[in-house]
C-alpha atoms as a PDB file:
ATOM      1  CA  UNK A   1       0.000   0.000   0.000  1.00  0.00           C
ATOM      2  CA  UNK A   2       1.325   3.417  -0.921  1.00  0.00           C
ATOM      3  CA  UNK A   3       0.990   5.791   1.971  1.00  0.00           C
ATOM      4  CA  UNK A   4       3.276   8.609   0.889  1.00  0.00           C
ATOM      5  CA  UNK A   5       4.772   9.654  -2.468  1.00  0.00           C
ATOM      6  CA  UNK A   6       6.781  12.835  -2.180  1.00  0.00           C
ATOM      7  CA  UNK A   7       9.777  14.899  -3.106  1.00  0.00           C
ATOM      8  CA  UNK A   8      12.380  15.447  -0.408  1.00  0.00           C
ATOM      9  CA  UNK A   9      14.815  18.319  -0.827  1.00  0.00           C
ATOM     10  CA  UNK A  10      17.338  19.085   1.919  1.00  0.00           C
ATOM     11  CA  UNK A  11      16.904  22.606   3.259  1.00  0.00           C
ATOM     12  CA  UNK A  12      18.509  24.994   5.707  1.00  0.00           C
ATOM     13  CA  UNK A  13      21.941  24.804   7.306  1.00  0.00           C
ATOM     14  CA  UNK A  14      21.254  21.289   8.631  1.00  0.00           C
ATOM     15  CA  UNK A  15      20.320  19.948   5.151  1.00  0.00           C
ATOM     16  CA  UNK A  16      17.362  18.023   6.619  1.00  0.00           C
ATOM     17  CA  UNK A  17      14.049  16.967   5.091  1.00  0.00           C
ATOM     18  CA  UNK A  18      11.112  15.520   6.985  1.00  0.00           C
ATOM     19  CA  UNK A  19       7.946  13.574   6.339  1.00  0.00           C
ATOM     20  CA  UNK A  20       5.419  13.860   9.156  1.00  0.00           C
ATOM     21  CA  UNK A  21       2.057  12.172   9.567  1.00  0.00           C
ATOM     22  CA  UNK A  22      -0.847  13.531  11.628  1.00  0.00           C
ATOM     23  CA  UNK A  23      -1.245  10.261  13.534  1.00  0.00           C
ATOM     24  CA  UNK A  24       1.017   7.301  14.386  1.00  0.00           C
ATOM     25  CA  UNK A  25       1.791   5.272  11.261  1.00  0.00           C
ATOM     26  CA  UNK A  26       3.669   2.022  10.705  1.00  0.00           C
ATOM     27  CA  UNK A  27       6.298   2.091   7.973  1.00  0.00           C
ATOM     28  CA  UNK A  28       6.788  -1.297   6.323  1.00  0.00           C
ATOM     29  CA  UNK A  29       9.240  -0.263   3.626  1.00  0.00           C
ATOM     30  CA  UNK A  30      10.922   2.621   1.842  1.00  0.00           C
ATOM     31  CA  UNK A  31      11.199   2.330  -1.935  1.00  0.00           C
ATOM     32  CA  UNK A  32      13.541   4.499  -3.984  1.00  0.00           C
ATOM     33  CA  UNK A  33      13.293   4.843  -7.769  1.00  0.00           C
ATOM     34  CA  UNK A  34      16.119   6.065 -10.020  1.00  0.00           C
ATOM     35  CA  UNK A  35      15.738   9.011 -12.379  1.00  0.00           C
ATOM     36  CA  UNK A  36      13.578   8.487 -15.506  1.00  0.00           C
ATOM     37  CA  UNK A  37      11.724   5.430 -14.144  1.00  0.00           C
ATOM     38  CA  UNK A  38       7.909   5.321 -14.282  1.00  0.00           C
ATOM     39  CA  UNK A  39       7.024   4.044 -10.781  1.00  0.00           C
ATOM     40  CA  UNK A  40       3.267   3.699 -11.483  1.00  0.00           C
ATOM     41  CA  UNK A  41       2.031   1.725 -14.491  1.00  0.00           C
ATOM     42  CA  UNK A  42      -1.370   3.456 -14.333  1.00  0.00           C
ATOM     43  CA  UNK A  43       0.226   6.934 -14.370  1.00  0.00           C
ATOM     44  CA  UNK A  44       2.789   7.059 -17.202  1.00  0.00           C
ATOM     45  CA  UNK A  45       3.134  10.842 -16.842  1.00  0.00           C
ATOM     46  CA  UNK A  46       4.781  10.452 -13.406  1.00  0.00           C
ATOM     47  CA  UNK A  47       8.549  10.131 -13.803  1.00  0.00           C
ATOM     48  CA  UNK A  48      10.970   9.637 -10.909  1.00  0.00           C
ATOM     49  CA  UNK A  49      13.912  11.960 -10.346  1.00  0.00           C
ATOM     50  CA  UNK A  50      16.514  10.905  -7.790  1.00  0.00           C
ATOM     51  CA  UNK A  51      19.653  12.945  -7.248  1.00  0.00           C
ATOM     52  CA  UNK A  52      22.435  12.211  -6.694  1.00  0.00           C
ATOM     53  CA  UNK A  53      22.558   8.779  -8.322  1.00  0.00           C
ATOM     54  CA  UNK A  54      23.968   7.215  -5.118  1.00  0.00           C
ATOM     55  CA  UNK A  55      23.863   8.380  -1.491  1.00  0.00           C
ATOM     56  CA  UNK A  56      23.513   7.463   2.170  1.00  0.00           C
ATOM     57  CA  UNK A  57      20.139   8.396   3.658  1.00  0.00           C
ATOM     58  CA  UNK A  58      19.929   8.940   7.434  1.00  0.00           C
ATOM     59  CA  UNK A  59      16.400   8.025   8.554  1.00  0.00           C
ATOM     60  CA  UNK A  60      14.918   8.690  11.997  1.00  0.00           C
ATOM     61  CA  UNK A  61      11.635   7.118  13.079  1.00  0.00           C
ATOM     62  CA  UNK A  62       9.757   8.409  16.102  1.00  0.00           C
ATOM     63  CA  UNK A  63       8.667   5.233  17.897  1.00  0.00           C
ATOM     64  CA  UNK A  64       5.345   5.149  19.749  1.00  0.00           C
ATOM     65  CA  UNK A  65       4.712   2.134  22.036  1.00  0.00           C
ATOM     66  CA  UNK A  66       1.647   0.035  21.264  1.00  0.00           C
ATOM     67  CA  UNK A  67      -0.965  -0.252  24.009  1.00  0.00           C
ATOM     68  CA  UNK A  68      -3.122   2.027  26.081  1.00  0.00           C
ATOM     69  CA  UNK A  69      -1.574   4.316  28.699  1.00  0.00           C
ATOM     70  CA  UNK A  70      -2.077   3.593  32.379  1.00  0.00           C
ATOM     71  CA  UNK A  71      -3.652   6.981  33.089  1.00  0.00           C
ATOM     72  CA  UNK A  72      -4.686  10.201  31.329  1.00  0.00           C
ATOM     73  CA  UNK A  73      -1.549  12.076  32.469  1.00  0.00           C
ATOM     74  CA  UNK A  74       0.687   9.555  30.686  1.00  0.00           C
ATOM     75  CA  UNK A  75      -1.426   9.915  27.518  1.00  0.00           C
ATOM     76  CA  UNK A  76      -0.591  13.624  27.301  1.00  0.00           C
ATOM     77  CA  UNK A  77       3.163  12.929  27.192  1.00  0.00           C
ATOM     78  CA  UNK A  78       4.169  12.220  23.602  1.00  0.00           C
ATOM     79  CA  UNK A  79       7.293  10.054  23.623  1.00  0.00           C
ATOM     80  CA  UNK A  80      10.146  11.180  21.436  1.00  0.00           C
ATOM     81  CA  UNK A  81      12.113   7.960  21.060  1.00  0.00           C
ATOM     82  CA  UNK A  82      13.988   8.338  17.779  1.00  0.00           C
ATOM     83  CA  UNK A  83      15.108   5.135  16.080  1.00  0.00           C
ATOM     84  CA  UNK A  84      17.947   5.948  13.638  1.00  0.00           C
ATOM     85  CA  UNK A  85      19.014   3.926  10.622  1.00  0.00           C
ATOM     86  CA  UNK A  86      21.111   4.524   7.519  1.00  0.00           C
ATOM     87  CA  UNK A  87      20.003   3.498   4.032  1.00  0.00           C
ATOM     88  CA  UNK A  88      22.805   3.084   1.481  1.00  0.00           C
ATOM     89  CA  UNK A  89      21.364   3.773  -1.984  1.00  0.00           C
ATOM     90  CA  UNK A  90      23.588   2.730  -4.895  1.00  0.00           C
ATOM     91  CA  UNK A  91      21.041   3.218  -7.686  1.00  0.00           C
ATOM     92  CA  UNK A  92      18.314   1.187  -9.340  1.00  0.00           C
ATOM     93  CA  UNK A  93      14.842   0.412  -8.006  1.00  0.00           C
ATOM     94  CA  UNK A  94      15.373  -0.594  -4.403  1.00  0.00           C
ATOM     95  CA  UNK A  95      12.933  -1.384  -1.595  1.00  0.00           C
ATOM     96  CA  UNK A  96      14.234  -1.281   1.961  1.00  0.00           C
ATOM     97  CA  UNK A  97      12.165  -3.268   4.449  1.00  0.00           C
ATOM     98  CA  UNK A  98      11.637  -1.530   7.785  1.00  0.00           C
ATOM     99  CA  UNK A  99      11.226  -3.896  10.730  1.00  0.00           C
ATOM    100  CA  UNK A 100       9.762  -1.796  13.526  1.00  0.00           C
ATOM    101  CA  UNK A 101       8.780  -4.796  15.632  1.00  0.00           C
ATOM    102  CA  UNK A 102       5.338  -5.468  17.041  1.00  0.00           C
ATOM    103  CA  UNK A 103       5.716  -3.233  20.117  1.00  0.00           C
ATOM    104  CA  UNK A 104       5.732   0.128  18.262  1.00  0.00           C
ATOM    105  CA  UNK A 105       3.518   1.958  15.724  1.00  0.00           C
END
């Protein structure tokens, strides 16, 4: 299932880009397409553009524990447990599986 299709362009002095969702979401995989590939057979006018041709992508997931909080006070505290990983992209159509485990969203 495609949840997000977007363009990421590093910005600012930190050269960071971010994708944020309005509610907790589980990421199963990240797929990267090289330049000039048509990622969607039903939409031939959509053409991928990936620059540079190879790179390392630092990815940070904000992990939210699964389960209901013990009390209302705990529910108000949004955890900020970042789970870092590095994706080495060497070109081509590549899908990276993300194993977040069953204990987090």
